[in-house]
């Protein structure tokens, strides 16, 4: 399963998720967890205390966000710039206002602008404080995938994807439309000669994640296979495959 990019996760956390993103979050526990973590940052940024506690980022932060997200010229100016001060009515002389009260009034007046046009800036500026950058650095990239086809006597459908993590590790993510088997289901990577094969583990439910050994060459073992294995204590393949496909490497 291909995950949402970081900028879309940030927009989802801000309540800007579209139908496609909403559907993805309903099926992807990993992206849903990241959005939940980002939402905590948004909640903290929208609280009055957060406006007092968070340092104001330099204008270069908003410039980078504006360029990265491709925002319009209407929100090009840094939302943290000071807004023009209120003028007293022309027929009245301005009355002195304590500096602290004026500052708080100006903060309240600017807060909706900051949280509306520059909510993404709040999220990304606070990311270092709350560790969101670490969460996004753990994301994975899909490097190979294949739709799994049922073998005779079966009607299930499925898909397999190879995810590469930021640390270079790889995972095989397998989904299947059903979970019925006479025995238990086992996931394999098989060579084209269908003689050499490596078991990655057993699968429960309709989705499984399996670590691919670091020294295993997927070019030599490109076939993904889900088998129905009897409880006979025999570690070899039963010969009864439910789903199979060849990775597009």
Protein backbone atom coordinates (compact mmCIF):
# COMPACT_ATOMS: atom_id res chain seq x y z
CA UNK A 1 0.00 0.00 0.00
CA UNK A 2 1.43 3.36 -1.04
CA UNK A 3 1.28 5.87 1.81
CA UNK A 4 0.28 9.54 1.67
CA UNK A 5 3.16 12.04 1.19
CA UNK A 6 4.07 14.30 4.15
CA UNK A 7 2.39 17.41 2.72
CA UNK A 8 -0.93 15.57 2.31
CA UNK A 9 -0.66 14.21 5.86
CA UNK A 10 -0.23 17.78 7.12
CA UNK A 11 -3.31 18.95 5.19
CA UNK A 12 -5.34 16.00 6.55
CA UNK A 13 -4.33 16.98 10.08
CA UNK A 14 -5.62 20.48 9.34
CA UNK A 15 -9.02 19.08 8.28
CA UNK A 16 -8.36 19.51 4.55
CA UNK A 17 -8.57 15.81 3.56
CA UNK A 18 -10.27 15.06 0.24
CA UNK A 19 -12.35 11.96 -0.57
CA UNK A 20 -9.32 9.98 -1.75
CA UNK A 21 -7.26 10.83 1.33
CA UNK A 22 -10.22 10.05 3.63
CA UNK A 23 -10.67 6.65 2.00
CA UNK A 24 -6.95 5.91 2.30
CA UNK A 25 -6.88 6.83 6.00
CA UNK A 26 -9.81 4.49 6.64
CA UNK A 27 -7.74 1.57 5.32
CA UNK A 28 -4.18 2.53 6.34
CA UNK A 29 -3.43 2.34 10.05
CA UNK A 30 0.08 3.80 9.60
CA UNK A 31 -1.03 7.00 7.85
CA UNK A 32 -3.98 7.34 10.23
CA UNK A 33 -1.60 7.18 13.21
CA UNK A 34 0.63 9.87 11.69
CA UNK A 35 -2.35 12.17 11.06
CA UNK A 36 -3.43 11.67 14.68
CA UNK A 37 0.06 12.69 15.85
CA UNK A 38 0.00 15.76 13.61
CA UNK A 39 -3.47 16.70 14.86
CA UNK A 40 -2.08 16.91 18.39
CA UNK A 41 0.39 19.48 17.09
CA UNK A 42 -2.40 21.42 15.39
CA UNK A 43 -4.49 21.38 18.57
CA UNK A 44 -1.53 22.67 20.56
CA UNK A 45 -0.88 25.37 17.95
CA UNK A 46 -4.50 26.55 18.10
CA UNK A 47 -4.56 26.92 21.87
CA UNK A 48 -4.01 30.46 23.27
CA UNK A 49 -1.12 29.22 25.39
CA UNK A 50 0.66 27.89 22.32
CA UNK A 51 0.55 31.30 20.63
CA UNK A 52 2.41 32.74 23.62
CA UNK A 53 4.88 29.86 23.99
CA UNK A 54 5.94 29.07 20.41
CA UNK A 55 8.78 31.17 18.97
CA UNK A 56 7.99 33.12 15.82
CA UNK A 57 9.83 31.44 12.90
CA UNK A 58 11.81 33.55 10.43
CA UNK A 59 10.13 34.56 7.17
CA UNK A 60 12.27 32.02 5.30
CA UNK A 61 10.21 29.23 6.92
CA UNK A 62 6.99 30.47 5.36
CA UNK A 63 8.77 31.10 2.04
CA UNK A 64 9.84 27.46 1.96
CA UNK A 65 6.36 26.18 2.90
CA UNK A 66 4.71 28.42 0.31
CA UNK A 67 7.00 27.11 -2.45
CA UNK A 68 6.79 23.45 -1.36
CA UNK A 69 2.98 23.40 -1.22
CA UNK A 70 2.52 25.54 -4.34
CA UNK A 71 0.26 28.05 -2.58
CA UNK A 72 -1.27 31.04 -4.33
CA UNK A 73 0.02 34.63 -4.29
CA UNK A 74 -2.89 35.55 -2.00
CA UNK A 75 -1.01 33.96 0.92
CA UNK A 76 2.53 34.77 -0.16
CA UNK A 77 3.26 37.26 2.65
CA UNK A 78 4.51 35.91 5.97
CA UNK A 79 1.40 35.52 8.20
CA UNK A 80 3.54 36.24 11.26
CA UNK A 81 4.27 39.80 10.09
CA UNK A 82 2.71 42.46 12.24
CA UNK A 83 -0.79 43.50 11.15
CA UNK A 84 -1.47 47.24 10.85
CA UNK A 85 -2.56 48.73 14.15
CA UNK A 86 -6.13 49.97 14.62
CA UNK A 87 -6.75 53.68 14.20
CA UNK A 88 -8.91 55.65 16.58
CA UNK A 89 -12.10 57.23 15.12
CA UNK A 90 -11.32 60.54 13.41
CA UNK A 91 -13.56 62.51 15.77
CA UNK A 92 -11.95 61.17 18.92
CA UNK A 93 -8.46 61.46 20.29
CA UNK A 94 -6.79 58.14 20.84
CA UNK A 95 -6.78 57.13 24.48
CA UNK A 96 -3.66 55.59 25.99
CA UNK A 97 -3.74 51.81 26.22
CA UNK A 98 -1.37 49.81 28.41
CA UNK A 99 1.30 48.18 26.24
CA UNK A 100 0.54 44.66 27.54
CA UNK A 101 -3.18 45.00 26.80
CA UNK A 102 -2.46 46.31 23.31
CA UNK A 103 -0.09 43.45 22.63
CA UNK A 104 -2.65 40.83 23.74
CA UNK A 105 -5.38 42.48 21.65
CA UNK A 106 -3.11 42.43 18.62
CA UNK A 107 -2.29 38.75 19.26
CA UNK A 108 -6.01 37.88 19.37
CA UNK A 109 -6.62 39.81 16.16
CA UNK A 110 -3.79 38.04 14.34
CA UNK A 111 -4.48 34.51 15.57
CA UNK A 112 -7.26 33.61 13.06
CA UNK A 113 -5.06 34.82 10.20
CA UNK A 114 -2.12 32.78 11.45
CA UNK A 115 -4.15 29.61 11.94
CA UNK A 116 -6.07 29.99 8.68
CA UNK A 117 -3.61 31.04 5.99
CA UNK A 118 -0.51 29.73 7.76
CA UNK A 119 -1.67 26.67 9.67
CA UNK A 120 0.86 24.60 7.77
CA UNK A 121 3.58 26.90 9.09
CA UNK A 122 2.45 26.24 12.67
CA UNK A 123 2.57 22.49 12.09
CA UNK A 124 6.01 22.48 10.47
CA UNK A 125 7.52 25.06 12.83
CA UNK A 126 6.38 23.02 15.82
CA UNK A 127 7.40 19.71 14.26
CA UNK A 128 10.88 19.78 15.74
CA UNK A 129 9.49 20.38 19.22
CA UNK A 130 7.02 17.50 19.15
CA UNK A 131 9.09 15.05 17.05
CA UNK A 132 6.92 15.11 13.94
CA UNK A 133 10.03 15.29 11.77
CA UNK A 134 11.08 11.92 13.19
CA UNK A 135 7.68 10.43 12.33
CA UNK A 136 7.87 11.63 8.73
CA UNK A 137 11.47 10.37 8.38
CA UNK A 138 10.22 6.85 9.12
CA UNK A 139 8.05 6.78 6.00
CA UNK A 140 8.44 4.09 3.38
CA UNK A 141 8.60 4.02 -0.41
CA UNK A 142 6.97 1.37 -2.60
CA UNK A 143 9.70 -0.07 -4.86
CA UNK A 144 7.81 -3.02 -6.37
CA UNK A 145 4.22 -4.27 -6.55
CA UNK A 146 1.97 -6.88 -8.16
CA UNK A 147 -1.68 -7.89 -8.17
CA UNK A 148 -2.02 -11.47 -6.92
CA UNK A 149 -4.17 -13.82 -8.98
CA UNK A 150 -6.04 -16.84 -7.61
CA UNK A 151 -4.96 -20.32 -8.56
CA UNK A 152 -7.47 -23.02 -9.60
CA UNK A 153 -10.11 -23.83 -6.96
CA UNK A 154 -9.73 -20.35 -5.40
CA UNK A 155 -11.48 -17.04 -6.14
CA UNK A 156 -9.70 -14.61 -3.83
CA UNK A 157 -7.85 -11.53 -5.05
CA UNK A 158 -4.88 -9.80 -3.49
CA UNK A 159 -1.89 -7.53 -3.88
CA UNK A 160 1.73 -7.50 -2.79
CA UNK A 161 4.00 -4.46 -2.36
CA UNK A 162 7.62 -4.13 -1.36
CA UNK A 163 8.18 -1.14 0.94
CA UNK A 164 11.67 0.28 1.45
CA UNK A 165 12.12 2.12 4.76
CA UNK A 166 14.32 5.16 5.31
CA UNK A 167 16.91 2.91 7.00
CA UNK A 168 17.16 0.69 3.89
CA UNK A 169 15.16 -2.20 5.34
CA UNK A 170 12.45 -3.82 3.21
CA UNK A 171 9.00 -5.18 3.99
CA UNK A 172 6.60 -7.24 1.92
CA UNK A 173 3.03 -6.02 2.47
CA UNK A 174 0.45 -8.59 1.34
CA UNK A 175 -3.33 -8.15 1.20
CA UNK A 176 -5.97 -10.74 0.34
CA UNK A 177 -9.72 -10.43 -0.10
CA UNK A 178 -10.37 -13.51 2.06
CA UNK A 179 -8.74 -15.42 4.89
CA UNK A 180 -10.15 -18.94 4.55
CA UNK A 181 -7.80 -21.91 4.34
CA UNK A 182 -8.05 -25.59 5.22
CA UNK A 183 -4.94 -25.22 7.36
CA UNK A 184 -2.96 -21.98 7.75
CA UNK A 185 -1.69 -19.50 5.16
CA UNK A 186 2.02 -19.04 4.56
CA UNK A 187 3.73 -16.31 2.50
CA UNK A 188 6.65 -17.22 0.23
CA UNK A 189 9.12 -15.62 -2.16
CA UNK A 190 9.87 -18.08 -4.96
CA UNK A 191 12.46 -18.28 -7.73
CA UNK A 192 11.31 -18.52 -11.37
CA UNK A 193 12.29 -22.19 -11.45
CA UNK A 194 9.64 -22.75 -8.72
CA UNK A 195 12.17 -24.98 -6.96
CA UNK A 196 13.94 -22.49 -4.69
CA UNK A 197 11.76 -20.59 -2.23
CA UNK A 198 11.94 -18.65 1.04
CA UNK A 199 9.17 -18.57 3.64
CA UNK A 200 8.53 -15.14 5.15
CA UNK A 201 5.97 -16.31 7.71
CA UNK A 202 2.31 -17.07 8.29
CA UNK A 203 -0.52 -14.68 7.49
CA UNK A 204 -3.61 -13.98 9.56
CA UNK A 205 -6.54 -11.83 8.47
CA UNK A 206 -6.58 -9.95 5.19
CA UNK A 207 -3.23 -8.12 5.50
CA UNK A 208 0.26 -9.12 6.57
CA UNK A 209 3.65 -7.37 6.79
CA UNK A 210 6.84 -9.41 6.50
CA UNK A 211 10.49 -8.38 6.82
CA UNK A 212 12.53 -9.32 3.75
CA UNK A 213 16.01 -10.62 4.66
CA UNK A 214 18.65 -8.00 3.86
CA UNK A 215 20.72 -10.38 1.73
CA UNK A 216 17.79 -11.75 -0.30
CA UNK A 217 17.88 -10.64 -3.95
CA UNK A 218 14.33 -10.05 -5.16
CA UNK A 219 15.50 -10.42 -8.76
CA UNK A 220 16.21 -14.06 -7.90
CA UNK A 221 12.98 -14.52 -5.91
CA UNK A 222 10.36 -12.32 -7.63
CA UNK A 223 7.31 -14.60 -7.20
CA UNK A 224 4.99 -13.84 -4.26
CA UNK A 225 2.95 -16.86 -3.20
CA UNK A 226 0.35 -17.46 -0.48
CA UNK A 227 -0.13 -21.16 0.24
CA UNK A 228 -2.60 -23.25 2.21
CA UNK A 229 -0.50 -25.32 4.62
CA UNK A 230 -1.73 -28.32 6.63
CA UNK A 231 -0.85 -28.72 10.31
CA UNK A 232 1.53 -31.60 9.59
CA UNK A 233 4.81 -30.22 10.92
CA UNK A 234 6.34 -30.21 7.42
CA UNK A 235 8.10 -26.85 6.77
CA UNK A 236 8.14 -27.25 2.97
CA UNK A 237 5.55 -25.78 0.60
CA UNK A 238 2.37 -27.86 0.47
CA UNK A 239 1.98 -27.38 -3.27
CA UNK A 240 -1.44 -25.85 -2.69
CA UNK A 241 -1.21 -22.13 -3.59
CA UNK A 242 -4.09 -19.70 -3.05
CA UNK A 243 -2.68 -16.53 -4.65
CA UNK A 244 0.42 -15.84 -6.73
CA UNK A 245 2.03 -13.00 -8.69
CA UNK A 246 5.41 -11.85 -10.04
CA UNK A 247 6.80 -8.58 -8.66
CA UNK A 248 7.39 -5.79 -11.19
CA UNK A 249 10.98 -4.93 -10.27
